[in-house]
N, C-alpha and C. Protein backbone atom coordinates (compact mmCIF):
# COMPACT_ATOMS: atom_id res chain seq x y z
N UNK A 1 -4.63 -8.63 18.57
CA UNK A 1 -3.51 -9.14 17.82
C UNK A 1 -3.02 -8.04 16.87
N UNK A 2 -1.70 -7.79 16.88
CA UNK A 2 -1.13 -6.81 15.97
C UNK A 2 -0.62 -7.51 14.71
N UNK A 3 -0.97 -6.94 13.58
CA UNK A 3 -0.50 -7.44 12.29
C UNK A 3 0.17 -6.28 11.57
N UNK A 4 1.13 -6.61 10.71
CA UNK A 4 1.86 -5.57 9.99
C UNK A 4 1.91 -5.95 8.52
N UNK A 5 1.46 -5.04 7.66
CA UNK A 5 1.45 -5.28 6.22
C UNK A 5 2.16 -4.15 5.48
N UNK A 6 2.84 -4.50 4.40
CA UNK A 6 3.45 -3.50 3.52
C UNK A 6 2.34 -2.80 2.74
N UNK A 7 2.48 -1.50 2.58
CA UNK A 7 1.51 -0.70 1.83
C UNK A 7 2.26 0.07 0.75
N UNK A 8 1.70 0.11 -0.45
CA UNK A 8 2.27 0.88 -1.55
C UNK A 8 1.36 2.09 -1.78
N UNK A 9 1.95 3.28 -1.77
CA UNK A 9 1.19 4.51 -2.06
C UNK A 9 1.80 5.11 -3.32
N UNK A 10 0.94 5.33 -4.31
CA UNK A 10 1.39 5.84 -5.60
C UNK A 10 0.69 7.15 -5.94
N UNK A 11 1.42 8.04 -6.57
CA UNK A 11 0.84 9.30 -7.04
C UNK A 11 0.12 9.02 -8.35
N UNK A 12 -1.12 9.40 -8.43
CA UNK A 12 -1.91 9.30 -9.66
C UNK A 12 -2.07 10.73 -10.20
N UNK A 13 -2.63 10.90 -11.38
CA UNK A 13 -2.76 12.26 -11.92
C UNK A 13 -3.52 13.23 -11.01
N UNK A 14 -4.56 12.76 -10.33
CA UNK A 14 -5.38 13.68 -9.54
C UNK A 14 -5.47 13.34 -8.05
N UNK A 15 -4.79 12.28 -7.62
CA UNK A 15 -4.86 11.89 -6.21
C UNK A 15 -3.73 10.91 -5.92
N UNK A 16 -3.84 10.23 -4.79
CA UNK A 16 -2.91 9.17 -4.42
C UNK A 16 -3.71 7.89 -4.24
N UNK A 17 -3.12 6.78 -4.64
CA UNK A 17 -3.79 5.49 -4.43
C UNK A 17 -2.88 4.63 -3.58
N UNK A 18 -3.49 3.75 -2.81
CA UNK A 18 -2.75 2.86 -1.92
C UNK A 18 -3.30 1.45 -2.05
N UNK A 19 -2.40 0.48 -1.93
CA UNK A 19 -2.84 -0.91 -1.93
C UNK A 19 -1.90 -1.74 -1.08
N UNK A 20 -2.38 -2.93 -0.71
CA UNK A 20 -1.63 -3.84 0.14
C UNK A 20 -1.36 -5.10 -0.67
N UNK A 21 -0.10 -5.34 -1.07
CA UNK A 21 0.20 -6.50 -1.91
C UNK A 21 -0.25 -7.84 -1.31
N UNK A 22 -0.22 -7.97 0.01
CA UNK A 22 -0.59 -9.23 0.64
C UNK A 22 -2.09 -9.39 0.87
N UNK A 23 -2.86 -8.34 0.58
CA UNK A 23 -4.31 -8.40 0.75
C UNK A 23 -4.99 -7.98 -0.56
N UNK A 24 -5.07 -8.88 -1.53
CA UNK A 24 -5.68 -8.53 -2.82
C UNK A 24 -7.06 -7.90 -2.64
N UNK A 25 -7.26 -6.79 -3.34
CA UNK A 25 -8.54 -6.09 -3.27
C UNK A 25 -8.59 -5.04 -2.19
N UNK A 26 -7.59 -4.94 -1.36
CA UNK A 26 -7.56 -3.95 -0.29
C UNK A 26 -6.89 -2.69 -0.84
N UNK A 27 -7.71 -1.70 -1.20
CA UNK A 27 -7.23 -0.47 -1.82
C UNK A 27 -7.89 0.75 -1.19
N UNK A 28 -7.27 1.91 -1.40
CA UNK A 28 -7.84 3.16 -0.91
C UNK A 28 -7.25 4.30 -1.73
N UNK A 29 -7.90 5.45 -1.67
CA UNK A 29 -7.39 6.66 -2.33
C UNK A 29 -7.49 7.84 -1.38
N UNK A 30 -6.80 8.90 -1.74
CA UNK A 30 -6.88 10.13 -0.98
C UNK A 30 -6.34 11.29 -1.80
N UNK A 31 -6.72 12.50 -1.44
CA UNK A 31 -6.22 13.68 -2.16
C UNK A 31 -4.74 13.90 -1.91
N UNK A 32 -4.26 13.45 -0.75
CA UNK A 32 -2.85 13.57 -0.39
C UNK A 32 -2.32 12.20 -0.01
N UNK A 33 -1.01 12.09 0.08
CA UNK A 33 -0.40 10.83 0.52
C UNK A 33 -0.84 10.49 1.94
N UNK A 34 -0.89 11.51 2.79
CA UNK A 34 -1.31 11.28 4.18
C UNK A 34 -2.76 10.80 4.25
N UNK A 35 -3.61 11.36 3.42
CA UNK A 35 -5.02 10.93 3.41
C UNK A 35 -5.14 9.50 2.88
N UNK A 36 -4.36 9.17 1.86
CA UNK A 36 -4.38 7.80 1.33
C UNK A 36 -3.90 6.82 2.40
N UNK A 37 -2.89 7.21 3.17
CA UNK A 37 -2.40 6.36 4.25
C UNK A 37 -3.47 6.15 5.32
N UNK A 38 -4.15 7.22 5.67
CA UNK A 38 -5.23 7.11 6.67
C UNK A 38 -6.33 6.18 6.17
N UNK A 39 -6.69 6.32 4.90
CA UNK A 39 -7.76 5.52 4.32
C UNK A 39 -7.36 4.05 4.18
N UNK A 40 -6.09 3.78 3.85
CA UNK A 40 -5.69 2.38 3.70
C UNK A 40 -5.63 1.70 5.06
N UNK A 41 -5.30 2.42 6.12
CA UNK A 41 -5.33 1.83 7.46
C UNK A 41 -6.74 1.36 7.79
N UNK A 42 -7.72 2.18 7.49
CA UNK A 42 -9.12 1.81 7.71
C UNK A 42 -9.50 0.63 6.82
N UNK A 43 -9.08 0.67 5.56
CA UNK A 43 -9.41 -0.40 4.62
C UNK A 43 -8.81 -1.73 5.07
N UNK A 44 -7.58 -1.71 5.60
CA UNK A 44 -6.95 -2.94 6.08
C UNK A 44 -7.76 -3.53 7.23
N UNK A 45 -8.11 -2.70 8.19
CA UNK A 45 -8.88 -3.17 9.34
C UNK A 45 -10.21 -3.78 8.89
N UNK A 46 -10.92 -3.08 8.01
CA UNK A 46 -12.22 -3.59 7.53
C UNK A 46 -12.04 -4.86 6.70
N UNK A 47 -11.00 -4.92 5.90
CA UNK A 47 -10.74 -6.10 5.07
C UNK A 47 -10.49 -7.32 5.95
N UNK A 48 -9.63 -7.16 6.97
CA UNK A 48 -9.32 -8.27 7.87
C UNK A 48 -10.54 -8.69 8.69
N UNK A 49 -11.34 -7.73 9.14
CA UNK A 49 -12.55 -8.06 9.88
C UNK A 49 -13.53 -8.84 9.01
N UNK A 50 -13.65 -8.45 7.75
CA UNK A 50 -14.55 -9.16 6.83
C UNK A 50 -14.06 -10.59 6.60
N UNK A 51 -12.75 -10.76 6.44
CA UNK A 51 -12.21 -12.11 6.27
C UNK A 51 -12.50 -12.96 7.50
N UNK A 52 -12.25 -12.40 8.68
CA UNK A 52 -12.47 -13.14 9.93
C UNK A 52 -13.94 -13.52 10.09
N UNK A 53 -14.84 -12.59 9.79
CA UNK A 53 -16.28 -12.86 9.93
C UNK A 53 -16.74 -13.92 8.95
N UNK A 54 -16.08 -14.01 7.81
CA UNK A 54 -16.44 -15.00 6.80
C UNK A 54 -15.79 -16.35 7.06
N UNK A 55 -14.95 -16.41 8.09
CA UNK A 55 -14.26 -17.66 8.38
C UNK A 55 -13.06 -17.92 7.49
N UNK A 56 -12.66 -16.91 6.75
CA UNK A 56 -11.51 -17.05 5.86
C UNK A 56 -10.21 -16.82 6.64
N UNK A 57 -9.14 -17.46 6.22
CA UNK A 57 -7.87 -17.25 6.92
C UNK A 57 -7.33 -15.85 6.68
N UNK A 58 -6.60 -15.32 7.66
CA UNK A 58 -5.96 -14.02 7.54
C UNK A 58 -4.62 -14.26 6.83
N UNK A 59 -4.40 -13.64 5.66
CA UNK A 59 -3.15 -13.86 4.94
C UNK A 59 -1.95 -13.34 5.72
N UNK A 60 -0.86 -14.09 5.71
CA UNK A 60 0.34 -13.59 6.38
C UNK A 60 0.98 -12.47 5.57
N UNK A 61 1.74 -11.66 6.23
CA UNK A 61 2.49 -10.61 5.55
C UNK A 61 3.77 -11.23 5.01
N UNK A 62 3.92 -11.23 3.70
CA UNK A 62 5.11 -11.83 3.09
C UNK A 62 5.89 -10.85 2.23
N UNK A 63 5.31 -9.70 1.94
CA UNK A 63 5.96 -8.71 1.08
C UNK A 63 7.11 -8.04 1.82
N UNK A 64 8.24 -7.91 1.13
CA UNK A 64 9.40 -7.22 1.67
C UNK A 64 9.63 -5.98 0.81
N UNK A 65 9.82 -4.84 1.45
CA UNK A 65 10.02 -3.59 0.72
C UNK A 65 11.43 -3.06 0.97
N UNK A 66 12.05 -2.63 -0.08
CA UNK A 66 13.37 -2.01 -0.01
C UNK A 66 13.47 -0.96 -1.10
N UNK A 67 14.21 0.08 -0.84
CA UNK A 67 14.59 1.02 -1.89
C UNK A 67 15.97 0.63 -2.36
N UNK A 68 16.15 0.57 -3.65
CA UNK A 68 17.43 0.20 -4.23
C UNK A 68 18.00 1.42 -4.93
N UNK A 69 19.20 1.83 -4.54
CA UNK A 69 19.87 2.95 -5.20
C UNK A 69 20.75 2.43 -6.32
N UNK A 70 20.80 3.19 -7.39
CA UNK A 70 21.62 2.82 -8.53
C UNK A 70 22.08 4.10 -9.21
N UNK A 71 23.05 3.97 -10.10
CA UNK A 71 23.51 5.11 -10.88
C UNK A 71 23.44 4.74 -12.34
N UNK A 72 23.13 5.73 -13.14
CA UNK A 72 23.13 5.54 -14.59
C UNK A 72 24.38 6.19 -15.15
N UNK A 73 24.88 5.65 -16.26
CA UNK A 73 26.07 6.22 -16.88
C UNK A 73 25.79 7.66 -17.33
N UNK A 74 24.64 7.89 -17.92
CA UNK A 74 24.22 9.24 -18.33
C UNK A 74 23.02 9.61 -17.49
N UNK A 75 22.93 10.84 -17.08
CA UNK A 75 21.84 11.28 -16.20
C UNK A 75 20.64 11.76 -17.01
N UNK A 76 19.64 10.89 -17.24
CA UNK A 76 18.44 11.33 -17.94
C UNK A 76 17.58 12.17 -17.00
N UNK A 77 16.59 12.80 -17.53
CA UNK A 77 15.67 13.59 -16.73
C UNK A 77 14.76 12.64 -15.95
N UNK A 78 14.81 12.71 -14.61
CA UNK A 78 13.99 11.86 -13.75
C UNK A 78 13.15 12.76 -12.87
N UNK A 79 11.84 12.55 -12.90
CA UNK A 79 10.97 13.36 -12.05
C UNK A 79 10.86 12.74 -10.66
N UNK A 80 10.90 13.54 -9.66
CA UNK A 80 10.79 13.09 -8.26
C UNK A 80 9.37 13.37 -7.76
N UNK A 81 8.83 12.49 -6.91
CA UNK A 81 7.47 12.71 -6.39
C UNK A 81 7.41 13.92 -5.47
């Protein structure tokens, strides 16, 4: 069965962290964004397997992700990742 979940990857001071909003407690880190993505894929699989083995329901994917563009009247200094 294929499942699809939204993943958030954030830059931290010394690494990247990733989490899945629809799977509380499912988190991972990595030195790079790509490594965090690889680790969260593994974490999702293990998290879902643990839920299934415990007889717990698999949460549906309900998170919707979008980037919203906007403009400011004055251009403050904004750092890009």
